[in-house]
Amino acid sequence: MTDRSNTNSTGQAMKRMVIGIAVLIVLTAVLFFFAPESFYPWAKAIHILAVISWMAGMLYLPRLFVYHADAEKGSVQSETFKVMERRLLRGIINPAMILTWVFGLWLAWKIFAFQGGWLHAKIGLVLILSGIHGYLAAAVRKFAEDRNEKAARHWRIVNEIPTLLMIAIVILVVVKPF
C-alpha cells in the first residue's frame, strides 16, 4: 500500500468517524430537548458504550506498544504499528473518552447530584485513567517520531493499569461501598 492510498484511507476513516459522532450529537440533542423524559436511559446507554469503547482501546494500545517496542525503527512493521496506534487513539480512544466524561458527568449531576463517597472515588479513579490516557497519547507521538525509549516490559506493566482501574471503578459503581 502506498503512502498516498494509506493517507486517503485514513482520511476517509476520519471523515466517517466525524460524521458518525456528529449524527450521535444531533440525535442526542434532539432527544434531550424534545423528549427529556426519555433521555436518561439513552444517556446511560451511551455512557456504557463509550466506557466499553474507551476501555477496549486503553487495553489494546499498550499491547500494540509491546510489539512496537521490539520492532526495528523504520521497518515496515514499525510503520504499520504507527498507523494502527494513531487510528486507535484518534478514531476510538479519544472520542470514547470524551463521550464517557460528558455523559458520565451529566449522570453524576442529574441522577446522583454529585453525592456519595463511592461517586467521588469513582470520579477520582476516572481522573487517574484519564491521566493514563494522556500518557499513552504522548507515547503514540513518541513512537510516531521513533523516540520511544521504553522497553516492551514497561508496556506490559502499563497494560495492566487500565485493567486494575476498571475493576475498581466497576466495583464502586455496582457495590457502592460507601
N, C-alpha and C. Protein backbone atom coordinates (compact mmCIF):
# COMPACT_ATOMS: atom_id res chain seq x y z
N MET A 1 0.85 -1.17 0.00
CA MET A 1 0.00 0.00 0.00
C MET A 1 0.90 1.24 0.00
N THR A 2 0.61 2.18 -0.84
CA THR A 2 1.44 3.38 -0.92
C THR A 2 1.06 4.36 0.17
N ASP A 3 1.93 5.33 0.40
CA ASP A 3 1.64 6.36 1.40
C ASP A 3 0.40 7.14 1.03
N ARG A 4 0.23 7.41 -0.28
CA ARG A 4 -0.92 8.19 -0.74
C ARG A 4 -2.23 7.46 -0.48
N SER A 5 -2.29 6.17 -0.81
CA SER A 5 -3.53 5.42 -0.57
C SER A 5 -3.76 5.22 0.92
N ASN A 6 -2.70 5.09 1.69
CA ASN A 6 -2.82 4.96 3.14
C ASN A 6 -3.37 6.25 3.74
N THR A 7 -2.86 7.40 3.27
CA THR A 7 -3.34 8.70 3.74
C THR A 7 -4.80 8.88 3.36
N ASN A 8 -5.17 8.51 2.14
CA ASN A 8 -6.55 8.62 1.67
C ASN A 8 -7.46 7.74 2.52
N SER A 9 -7.02 6.52 2.81
CA SER A 9 -7.79 5.61 3.64
C SER A 9 -7.99 6.17 5.03
N THR A 10 -6.93 6.75 5.59
CA THR A 10 -7.02 7.36 6.91
C THR A 10 -7.98 8.53 6.88
N GLY A 11 -7.89 9.35 5.84
CA GLY A 11 -8.79 10.49 5.70
C GLY A 11 -10.25 10.07 5.60
N GLN A 12 -10.52 9.03 4.86
CA GLN A 12 -11.89 8.53 4.72
C GLN A 12 -12.41 7.99 6.04
N ALA A 13 -11.56 7.27 6.77
CA ALA A 13 -11.96 6.72 8.07
C ALA A 13 -12.25 7.85 9.05
N MET A 14 -11.41 8.87 9.05
CA MET A 14 -11.62 10.01 9.95
C MET A 14 -12.92 10.74 9.57
N LYS A 15 -13.16 10.88 8.30
CA LYS A 15 -14.37 11.56 7.83
C LYS A 15 -15.62 10.79 8.30
N ARG A 16 -15.61 9.46 8.16
CA ARG A 16 -16.73 8.64 8.62
C ARG A 16 -16.91 8.75 10.12
N MET A 17 -15.80 8.78 10.86
CA MET A 17 -15.87 8.91 12.30
C MET A 17 -16.49 10.24 12.70
N VAL A 18 -16.06 11.32 12.07
CA VAL A 18 -16.59 12.65 12.39
C VAL A 18 -18.08 12.72 12.07
N ILE A 19 -18.48 12.15 10.95
CA ILE A 19 -19.90 12.13 10.58
C ILE A 19 -20.70 11.33 11.61
N GLY A 20 -20.18 10.19 12.00
CA GLY A 20 -20.87 9.36 13.00
C GLY A 20 -21.04 10.07 14.32
N ILE A 21 -19.99 10.74 14.77
CA ILE A 21 -20.07 11.47 16.03
C ILE A 21 -21.04 12.63 15.90
N ALA A 22 -21.02 13.32 14.76
CA ALA A 22 -21.94 14.45 14.55
C ALA A 22 -23.39 13.97 14.58
N VAL A 23 -23.67 12.84 13.94
CA VAL A 23 -25.03 12.29 13.95
C VAL A 23 -25.43 11.94 15.38
N LEU A 24 -24.54 11.32 16.14
CA LEU A 24 -24.82 10.98 17.53
C LEU A 24 -25.12 12.24 18.35
N ILE A 25 -24.35 13.28 18.17
CA ILE A 25 -24.56 14.52 18.91
C ILE A 25 -25.90 15.14 18.55
N VAL A 26 -26.23 15.18 17.27
CA VAL A 26 -27.51 15.76 16.84
C VAL A 26 -28.68 14.96 17.40
N LEU A 27 -28.63 13.65 17.27
CA LEU A 27 -29.73 12.81 17.78
C LEU A 27 -29.86 12.93 19.30
N THR A 28 -28.73 13.00 19.98
CA THR A 28 -28.75 13.16 21.44
C THR A 28 -29.35 14.50 21.82
N ALA A 29 -28.97 15.56 21.11
CA ALA A 29 -29.52 16.90 21.39
C ALA A 29 -31.02 16.94 21.14
N VAL A 30 -31.47 16.31 20.06
CA VAL A 30 -32.90 16.27 19.75
C VAL A 30 -33.64 15.57 20.88
N LEU A 31 -33.13 14.44 21.31
CA LEU A 31 -33.76 13.69 22.40
C LEU A 31 -33.75 14.51 23.69
N PHE A 32 -32.64 15.15 23.99
CA PHE A 32 -32.50 15.94 25.22
C PHE A 32 -33.52 17.09 25.25
N PHE A 33 -33.70 17.77 24.13
CA PHE A 33 -34.58 18.95 24.11
C PHE A 33 -36.05 18.62 23.86
N PHE A 34 -36.33 17.57 23.07
CA PHE A 34 -37.71 17.29 22.69
C PHE A 34 -38.35 16.13 23.44
N ALA A 35 -37.56 15.30 24.08
CA ALA A 35 -38.10 14.19 24.85
C ALA A 35 -37.23 13.96 26.08
N PRO A 36 -37.14 14.98 26.96
CA PRO A 36 -36.23 14.86 28.10
C PRO A 36 -36.54 13.69 29.02
N GLU A 37 -37.79 13.26 29.09
CA GLU A 37 -38.16 12.12 29.93
C GLU A 37 -37.55 10.82 29.42
N SER A 38 -37.20 10.77 28.15
CA SER A 38 -36.59 9.57 27.56
C SER A 38 -35.07 9.66 27.50
N PHE A 39 -34.52 10.78 27.95
CA PHE A 39 -33.09 10.99 27.78
C PHE A 39 -32.24 10.13 28.72
N TYR A 40 -32.67 9.95 29.96
CA TYR A 40 -31.85 9.23 30.94
C TYR A 40 -31.41 7.84 30.45
N PRO A 41 -32.30 6.97 30.01
CA PRO A 41 -31.81 5.64 29.60
C PRO A 41 -30.86 5.70 28.40
N TRP A 42 -31.09 6.67 27.50
CA TRP A 42 -30.20 6.83 26.36
C TRP A 42 -28.83 7.35 26.81
N ALA A 43 -28.84 8.30 27.74
CA ALA A 43 -27.58 8.82 28.26
C ALA A 43 -26.79 7.71 28.96
N LYS A 44 -27.48 6.90 29.71
CA LYS A 44 -26.83 5.79 30.41
C LYS A 44 -26.27 4.78 29.40
N ALA A 45 -27.05 4.46 28.36
CA ALA A 45 -26.61 3.52 27.33
C ALA A 45 -25.38 4.06 26.60
N ILE A 46 -25.42 5.34 26.22
CA ILE A 46 -24.28 5.94 25.51
C ILE A 46 -23.06 5.95 26.42
N HIS A 47 -23.26 6.27 27.70
CA HIS A 47 -22.15 6.28 28.66
C HIS A 47 -21.52 4.88 28.74
N ILE A 48 -22.32 3.86 28.87
CA ILE A 48 -21.80 2.49 28.97
C ILE A 48 -21.07 2.09 27.69
N LEU A 49 -21.65 2.40 26.53
CA LEU A 49 -20.99 2.07 25.26
C LEU A 49 -19.67 2.82 25.12
N ALA A 50 -19.65 4.08 25.54
CA ALA A 50 -18.41 4.86 25.48
C ALA A 50 -17.35 4.29 26.41
N VAL A 51 -17.76 3.89 27.61
CA VAL A 51 -16.81 3.29 28.56
C VAL A 51 -16.23 2.02 27.97
N ILE A 52 -17.07 1.18 27.39
CA ILE A 52 -16.59 -0.08 26.80
C ILE A 52 -15.59 0.22 25.68
N SER A 53 -15.91 1.18 24.83
CA SER A 53 -15.01 1.53 23.73
C SER A 53 -13.70 2.10 24.24
N TRP A 54 -13.81 2.99 25.24
CA TRP A 54 -12.60 3.59 25.81
C TRP A 54 -11.71 2.52 26.41
N MET A 55 -12.30 1.63 27.20
CA MET A 55 -11.52 0.59 27.85
C MET A 55 -10.92 -0.37 26.82
N ALA A 56 -11.66 -0.71 25.79
CA ALA A 56 -11.11 -1.60 24.76
C ALA A 56 -9.85 -0.99 24.17
N GLY A 57 -9.91 0.29 23.86
CA GLY A 57 -8.75 0.98 23.31
C GLY A 57 -7.61 1.10 24.31
N MET A 58 -7.96 1.39 25.56
CA MET A 58 -6.94 1.55 26.61
C MET A 58 -6.25 0.22 26.92
N LEU A 59 -6.92 -0.88 26.68
CA LEU A 59 -6.32 -2.20 26.90
C LEU A 59 -5.50 -2.64 25.68
N TYR A 60 -5.91 -2.21 24.49
CA TYR A 60 -5.25 -2.65 23.26
C TYR A 60 -4.01 -1.81 22.93
N LEU A 61 -4.07 -0.50 23.17
CA LEU A 61 -2.96 0.38 22.76
C LEU A 61 -1.63 0.00 23.42
N PRO A 62 -1.58 -0.23 24.74
CA PRO A 62 -0.29 -0.63 25.31
C PRO A 62 0.19 -1.99 24.78
N ARG A 63 -0.75 -2.85 24.40
CA ARG A 63 -0.37 -4.14 23.82
C ARG A 63 0.31 -3.91 22.47
N LEU A 64 -0.19 -2.94 21.69
CA LEU A 64 0.49 -2.59 20.44
C LEU A 64 1.90 -2.07 20.73
N PHE A 65 2.03 -1.28 21.79
CA PHE A 65 3.34 -0.75 22.16
C PHE A 65 4.32 -1.87 22.51
N VAL A 66 3.83 -2.93 23.13
CA VAL A 66 4.70 -4.07 23.47
C VAL A 66 5.37 -4.58 22.21
N TYR A 67 4.59 -4.78 21.16
CA TYR A 67 5.14 -5.30 19.91
C TYR A 67 5.93 -4.23 19.16
N HIS A 68 5.46 -3.00 19.21
CA HIS A 68 6.13 -1.91 18.51
C HIS A 68 7.51 -1.65 19.11
N ALA A 69 7.64 -1.76 20.42
CA ALA A 69 8.92 -1.52 21.08
C ALA A 69 9.99 -2.49 20.58
N ASP A 70 9.57 -3.69 20.17
CA ASP A 70 10.51 -4.69 19.69
C ASP A 70 10.75 -4.61 18.18
N ALA A 71 9.94 -3.81 17.48
CA ALA A 71 10.10 -3.67 16.03
C ALA A 71 11.27 -2.74 15.72
N GLU A 72 11.98 -3.03 14.65
CA GLU A 72 13.11 -2.19 14.25
C GLU A 72 12.59 -0.86 13.73
N LYS A 73 13.18 0.23 14.21
CA LYS A 73 12.77 1.57 13.77
C LYS A 73 12.90 1.70 12.26
N GLY A 74 11.85 2.26 11.64
CA GLY A 74 11.86 2.46 10.20
C GLY A 74 11.42 1.25 9.40
N SER A 75 11.21 0.12 10.07
CA SER A 75 10.78 -1.09 9.36
C SER A 75 9.31 -0.98 8.95
N VAL A 76 8.91 -1.82 8.02
CA VAL A 76 7.51 -1.85 7.59
C VAL A 76 6.61 -2.14 8.78
N GLN A 77 7.05 -3.06 9.63
CA GLN A 77 6.29 -3.42 10.82
C GLN A 77 6.11 -2.21 11.74
N SER A 78 7.17 -1.46 11.97
CA SER A 78 7.11 -0.28 12.82
C SER A 78 6.16 0.76 12.23
N GLU A 79 6.24 0.98 10.93
CA GLU A 79 5.37 1.96 10.28
C GLU A 79 3.90 1.52 10.35
N THR A 80 3.65 0.23 10.27
CA THR A 80 2.28 -0.29 10.40
C THR A 80 1.75 -0.05 11.80
N PHE A 81 2.59 -0.30 12.80
CA PHE A 81 2.18 -0.03 14.17
C PHE A 81 1.85 1.45 14.38
N LYS A 82 2.62 2.33 13.78
CA LYS A 82 2.36 3.77 13.91
C LYS A 82 0.96 4.12 13.41
N VAL A 83 0.59 3.56 12.26
CA VAL A 83 -0.74 3.82 11.69
C VAL A 83 -1.82 3.25 12.62
N MET A 84 -1.62 2.03 13.07
CA MET A 84 -2.60 1.39 13.95
C MET A 84 -2.79 2.18 15.24
N GLU A 85 -1.68 2.61 15.83
CA GLU A 85 -1.74 3.35 17.09
C GLU A 85 -2.44 4.70 16.92
N ARG A 86 -2.10 5.41 15.86
CA ARG A 86 -2.71 6.72 15.60
C ARG A 86 -4.22 6.58 15.37
N ARG A 87 -4.60 5.62 14.55
CA ARG A 87 -6.03 5.42 14.27
C ARG A 87 -6.80 5.01 15.52
N LEU A 88 -6.22 4.13 16.30
CA LEU A 88 -6.87 3.69 17.52
C LEU A 88 -7.07 4.86 18.48
N LEU A 89 -6.04 5.66 18.66
CA LEU A 89 -6.13 6.81 19.57
C LEU A 89 -7.13 7.84 19.07
N ARG A 90 -6.97 8.26 17.83
CA ARG A 90 -7.82 9.33 17.30
C ARG A 90 -9.24 8.88 16.96
N GLY A 91 -9.37 7.67 16.48
CA GLY A 91 -10.67 7.20 16.00
C GLY A 91 -11.55 6.55 17.05
N ILE A 92 -10.95 6.01 18.09
CA ILE A 92 -11.73 5.29 19.09
C ILE A 92 -11.50 5.85 20.50
N ILE A 93 -10.26 5.84 20.95
CA ILE A 93 -9.99 6.15 22.35
C ILE A 93 -10.37 7.60 22.70
N ASN A 94 -9.91 8.56 21.92
CA ASN A 94 -10.22 9.96 22.24
C ASN A 94 -11.72 10.27 22.22
N PRO A 95 -12.44 9.92 21.13
CA PRO A 95 -13.89 10.19 21.15
C PRO A 95 -14.62 9.45 22.27
N ALA A 96 -14.21 8.22 22.54
CA ALA A 96 -14.87 7.44 23.60
C ALA A 96 -14.64 8.07 24.96
N MET A 97 -13.43 8.57 25.21
CA MET A 97 -13.16 9.22 26.48
C MET A 97 -14.02 10.48 26.63
N ILE A 98 -14.12 11.26 25.58
CA ILE A 98 -14.93 12.49 25.63
C ILE A 98 -16.38 12.15 25.93
N LEU A 99 -16.93 11.17 25.22
CA LEU A 99 -18.33 10.79 25.46
C LEU A 99 -18.51 10.22 26.87
N THR A 100 -17.54 9.46 27.33
CA THR A 100 -17.60 8.92 28.70
C THR A 100 -17.70 10.05 29.71
N TRP A 101 -16.85 11.04 29.58
CA TRP A 101 -16.85 12.16 30.51
C TRP A 101 -18.13 12.98 30.41
N VAL A 102 -18.55 13.31 29.19
CA VAL A 102 -19.75 14.15 29.02
C VAL A 102 -20.98 13.48 29.62
N PHE A 103 -21.23 12.24 29.24
CA PHE A 103 -22.43 11.56 29.73
C PHE A 103 -22.27 11.13 31.19
N GLY A 104 -21.06 10.79 31.59
CA GLY A 104 -20.84 10.43 32.99
C GLY A 104 -21.06 11.59 33.93
N LEU A 105 -20.56 12.76 33.55
CA LEU A 105 -20.78 13.93 34.40
C LEU A 105 -22.25 14.33 34.42
N TRP A 106 -22.93 14.21 33.29
CA TRP A 106 -24.36 14.51 33.26
C TRP A 106 -25.11 13.57 34.20
N LEU A 107 -24.79 12.28 34.13
CA LEU A 107 -25.45 11.31 35.01
C LEU A 107 -25.13 11.59 36.48
N ALA A 108 -23.88 11.91 36.78
CA ALA A 108 -23.48 12.21 38.16
C ALA A 108 -24.24 13.43 38.68
N TRP A 109 -24.45 14.40 37.84
CA TRP A 109 -25.17 15.62 38.22
C TRP A 109 -26.67 15.37 38.33
N LYS A 110 -27.26 14.80 37.28
CA LYS A 110 -28.71 14.66 37.19
C LYS A 110 -29.25 13.57 38.13
N ILE A 111 -28.59 12.46 38.22
CA ILE A 111 -29.11 11.32 38.97
C ILE A 111 -28.60 11.32 40.41
N PHE A 112 -27.33 11.62 40.60
CA PHE A 112 -26.74 11.49 41.93
C PHE A 112 -26.42 12.83 42.59
N ALA A 113 -26.63 13.93 41.88
CA ALA A 113 -26.34 15.27 42.40
C ALA A 113 -24.92 15.34 42.98
N PHE A 114 -24.01 14.60 42.38
CA PHE A 114 -22.62 14.53 42.82
C PHE A 114 -22.51 14.14 44.30
N GLN A 115 -23.45 13.33 44.78
CA GLN A 115 -23.43 12.88 46.17
C GLN A 115 -22.97 11.44 46.24
N GLY A 116 -22.29 11.10 47.32
CA GLY A 116 -21.88 9.72 47.57
C GLY A 116 -20.37 9.58 47.50
N GLY A 117 -19.82 9.00 48.55
CA GLY A 117 -18.38 8.76 48.58
C GLY A 117 -17.92 7.87 47.45
N TRP A 118 -18.74 6.87 47.11
CA TRP A 118 -18.38 5.96 46.02
C TRP A 118 -18.25 6.73 44.71
N LEU A 119 -19.13 7.73 44.50
CA LEU A 119 -19.09 8.50 43.26
C LEU A 119 -17.83 9.36 43.20
N HIS A 120 -17.47 9.95 44.32
CA HIS A 120 -16.25 10.76 44.36
C HIS A 120 -15.02 9.88 44.11
N ALA A 121 -15.01 8.70 44.71
CA ALA A 121 -13.90 7.77 44.49
C ALA A 121 -13.85 7.34 43.02
N LYS A 122 -15.03 7.07 42.45
CA LYS A 122 -15.09 6.67 41.04
C LYS A 122 -14.55 7.78 40.14
N ILE A 123 -14.98 9.00 40.38
CA ILE A 123 -14.51 10.12 39.57
C ILE A 123 -13.00 10.28 39.73
N GLY A 124 -12.49 10.08 40.94
CA GLY A 124 -11.05 10.14 41.15
C GLY A 124 -10.30 9.10 40.34
N LEU A 125 -10.84 7.87 40.31
CA LEU A 125 -10.20 6.82 39.53
C LEU A 125 -10.30 7.09 38.03
N VAL A 126 -11.42 7.68 37.59
CA VAL A 126 -11.56 8.04 36.17
C VAL A 126 -10.57 9.15 35.81
N LEU A 127 -10.31 10.05 36.75
CA LEU A 127 -9.27 11.07 36.52
C LEU A 127 -7.90 10.42 36.33
N ILE A 128 -7.61 9.42 37.16
CA ILE A 128 -6.34 8.70 37.02
C ILE A 128 -6.30 7.99 35.67
N LEU A 129 -7.41 7.36 35.28
CA LEU A 129 -7.48 6.69 33.98
C LEU A 129 -7.27 7.69 32.85
N SER A 130 -7.81 8.89 33.01
CA SER A 130 -7.61 9.94 32.00
C SER A 130 -6.14 10.35 31.94
N GLY A 131 -5.47 10.36 33.09
CA GLY A 131 -4.03 10.63 33.10
C GLY A 131 -3.25 9.56 32.36
N ILE A 132 -3.63 8.31 32.56
CA ILE A 132 -3.00 7.20 31.82
C ILE A 132 -3.26 7.38 30.33
N HIS A 133 -4.47 7.79 29.99
CA HIS A 133 -4.82 8.08 28.60
C HIS A 133 -3.84 9.12 28.03
N GLY A 134 -3.59 10.18 28.78
CA GLY A 134 -2.65 11.21 28.33
C GLY A 134 -1.24 10.65 28.16
N TYR A 135 -0.83 9.78 29.08
CA TYR A 135 0.48 9.14 28.99
C TYR A 135 0.59 8.30 27.71
N LEU A 136 -0.49 7.55 27.42
CA LEU A 136 -0.49 6.73 26.21
C LEU A 136 -0.51 7.58 24.95
N ALA A 137 -1.25 8.70 24.98
CA ALA A 137 -1.28 9.60 23.83
C ALA A 137 0.11 10.19 23.56
N ALA A 138 0.82 10.54 24.63
CA ALA A 138 2.20 11.04 24.47
C ALA A 138 3.09 9.94 23.89
N ALA A 139 2.86 8.71 24.32
CA ALA A 139 3.65 7.58 23.80
C ALA A 139 3.39 7.37 22.31
N VAL A 140 2.14 7.56 21.87
CA VAL A 140 1.84 7.44 20.44
C VAL A 140 2.69 8.45 19.66
N ARG A 141 2.78 9.67 20.17
CA ARG A 141 3.60 10.69 19.50
C ARG A 141 5.08 10.28 19.48
N LYS A 142 5.57 9.76 20.61
CA LYS A 142 6.98 9.35 20.67
C LYS A 142 7.26 8.20 19.69
N PHE A 143 6.38 7.22 19.67
CA PHE A 143 6.56 6.12 18.73
C PHE A 143 6.52 6.63 17.29
N ALA A 144 5.61 7.56 17.00
CA ALA A 144 5.49 8.11 15.64
C ALA A 144 6.76 8.82 15.21
N GLU A 145 7.48 9.40 16.18
CA GLU A 145 8.73 10.10 15.90
C GLU A 145 9.95 9.21 16.13
N ASP A 146 9.73 7.92 16.32
CA ASP A 146 10.80 6.95 16.61
C ASP A 146 11.63 7.37 17.82
N ARG A 147 10.96 7.90 18.84
CA ARG A 147 11.65 8.35 20.05
C ARG A 147 11.28 7.53 21.28
N ASN A 148 10.62 6.40 21.11
CA ASN A 148 10.30 5.58 22.27
C ASN A 148 11.57 5.04 22.90
N GLU A 149 11.68 5.20 24.21
CA GLU A 149 12.85 4.68 24.93
C GLU A 149 12.46 3.59 25.92
N LYS A 150 11.18 3.25 25.96
CA LYS A 150 10.69 2.25 26.92
C LYS A 150 10.75 0.86 26.30
N ALA A 151 11.10 -0.10 27.14
CA ALA A 151 11.17 -1.50 26.69
C ALA A 151 9.78 -2.12 26.65
N ALA A 152 9.68 -3.23 25.96
CA ALA A 152 8.41 -3.95 25.87
C ALA A 152 7.90 -4.31 27.27
N ARG A 153 8.79 -4.65 28.18
CA ARG A 153 8.39 -4.99 29.56
C ARG A 153 7.65 -3.83 30.22
N HIS A 154 8.12 -2.61 30.01
CA HIS A 154 7.43 -1.44 30.56
C HIS A 154 5.99 -1.39 30.07
N TRP A 155 5.80 -1.60 28.77
CA TRP A 155 4.45 -1.52 28.20
C TRP A 155 3.57 -2.68 28.67
N ARG A 156 4.17 -3.83 28.96
CA ARG A 156 3.40 -4.94 29.53
C ARG A 156 2.85 -4.57 30.90
N ILE A 157 3.65 -3.88 31.69
CA ILE A 157 3.22 -3.45 33.02
C ILE A 157 2.16 -2.35 32.89
N VAL A 158 2.40 -1.38 32.02
CA VAL A 158 1.44 -0.29 31.80
C VAL A 158 0.10 -0.87 31.33
N ASN A 159 0.15 -1.94 30.57
CA ASN A 159 -1.06 -2.57 30.06
C ASN A 159 -1.99 -3.05 31.17
N GLU A 160 -1.45 -3.31 32.35
CA GLU A 160 -2.27 -3.80 33.47
C GLU A 160 -2.96 -2.68 34.24
N ILE A 161 -2.47 -1.47 34.14
CA ILE A 161 -3.02 -0.36 34.93
C ILE A 161 -4.49 -0.08 34.58
N PRO A 162 -4.86 0.05 33.29
CA PRO A 162 -6.28 0.28 33.00
C PRO A 162 -7.18 -0.86 33.49
N THR A 163 -6.66 -2.08 33.45
CA THR A 163 -7.45 -3.22 33.93
C THR A 163 -7.75 -3.08 35.42
N LEU A 164 -6.74 -2.75 36.20
CA LEU A 164 -6.93 -2.59 37.64
C LEU A 164 -7.89 -1.43 37.95
N LEU A 165 -7.73 -0.33 37.22
CA LEU A 165 -8.64 0.81 37.42
C LEU A 165 -10.07 0.44 37.05
N MET A 166 -10.23 -0.28 35.94
CA MET A 166 -11.57 -0.70 35.51
C MET A 166 -12.23 -1.58 36.57
N ILE A 167 -11.50 -2.51 37.14
CA ILE A 167 -12.05 -3.39 38.18
C ILE A 167 -12.53 -2.57 39.37
N ALA A 168 -11.69 -1.65 39.83
CA ALA A 168 -12.07 -0.82 40.97
C ALA A 168 -13.28 0.06 40.65
N ILE A 169 -13.32 0.64 39.46
CA ILE A 169 -14.44 1.50 39.08
C ILE A 169 -15.74 0.71 39.02
N VAL A 170 -15.71 -0.45 38.40
CA VAL A 170 -16.93 -1.27 38.30
C VAL A 170 -17.41 -1.67 39.69
N ILE A 171 -16.51 -2.05 40.57
CA ILE A 171 -16.91 -2.42 41.93
C ILE A 171 -17.56 -1.22 42.63
N LEU A 172 -16.97 -0.05 42.48
CA LEU A 172 -17.56 1.15 43.10
C LEU A 172 -18.97 1.43 42.56
N VAL A 173 -19.16 1.30 41.27
CA VAL A 173 -20.46 1.59 40.67
C VAL A 173 -21.52 0.57 41.07
N VAL A 174 -21.15 -0.70 41.07
CA VAL A 174 -22.12 -1.75 41.35
C VAL A 174 -22.38 -1.92 42.85
N VAL A 175 -21.33 -1.96 43.65
CA VAL A 175 -21.45 -2.24 45.08
C VAL A 175 -21.78 -0.98 45.89
N LYS A 176 -21.27 0.17 45.44
CA LYS A 176 -21.42 1.44 46.16
C LYS A 176 -21.09 1.24 47.65
N PRO A 177 -19.84 0.89 47.94
CA PRO A 177 -19.47 0.51 49.30
C PRO A 177 -19.51 1.65 50.34
N PHE A 178 -19.52 2.89 49.90
CA PHE A 178 -19.59 3.99 50.85
C PHE A 178 -20.20 5.20 50.19
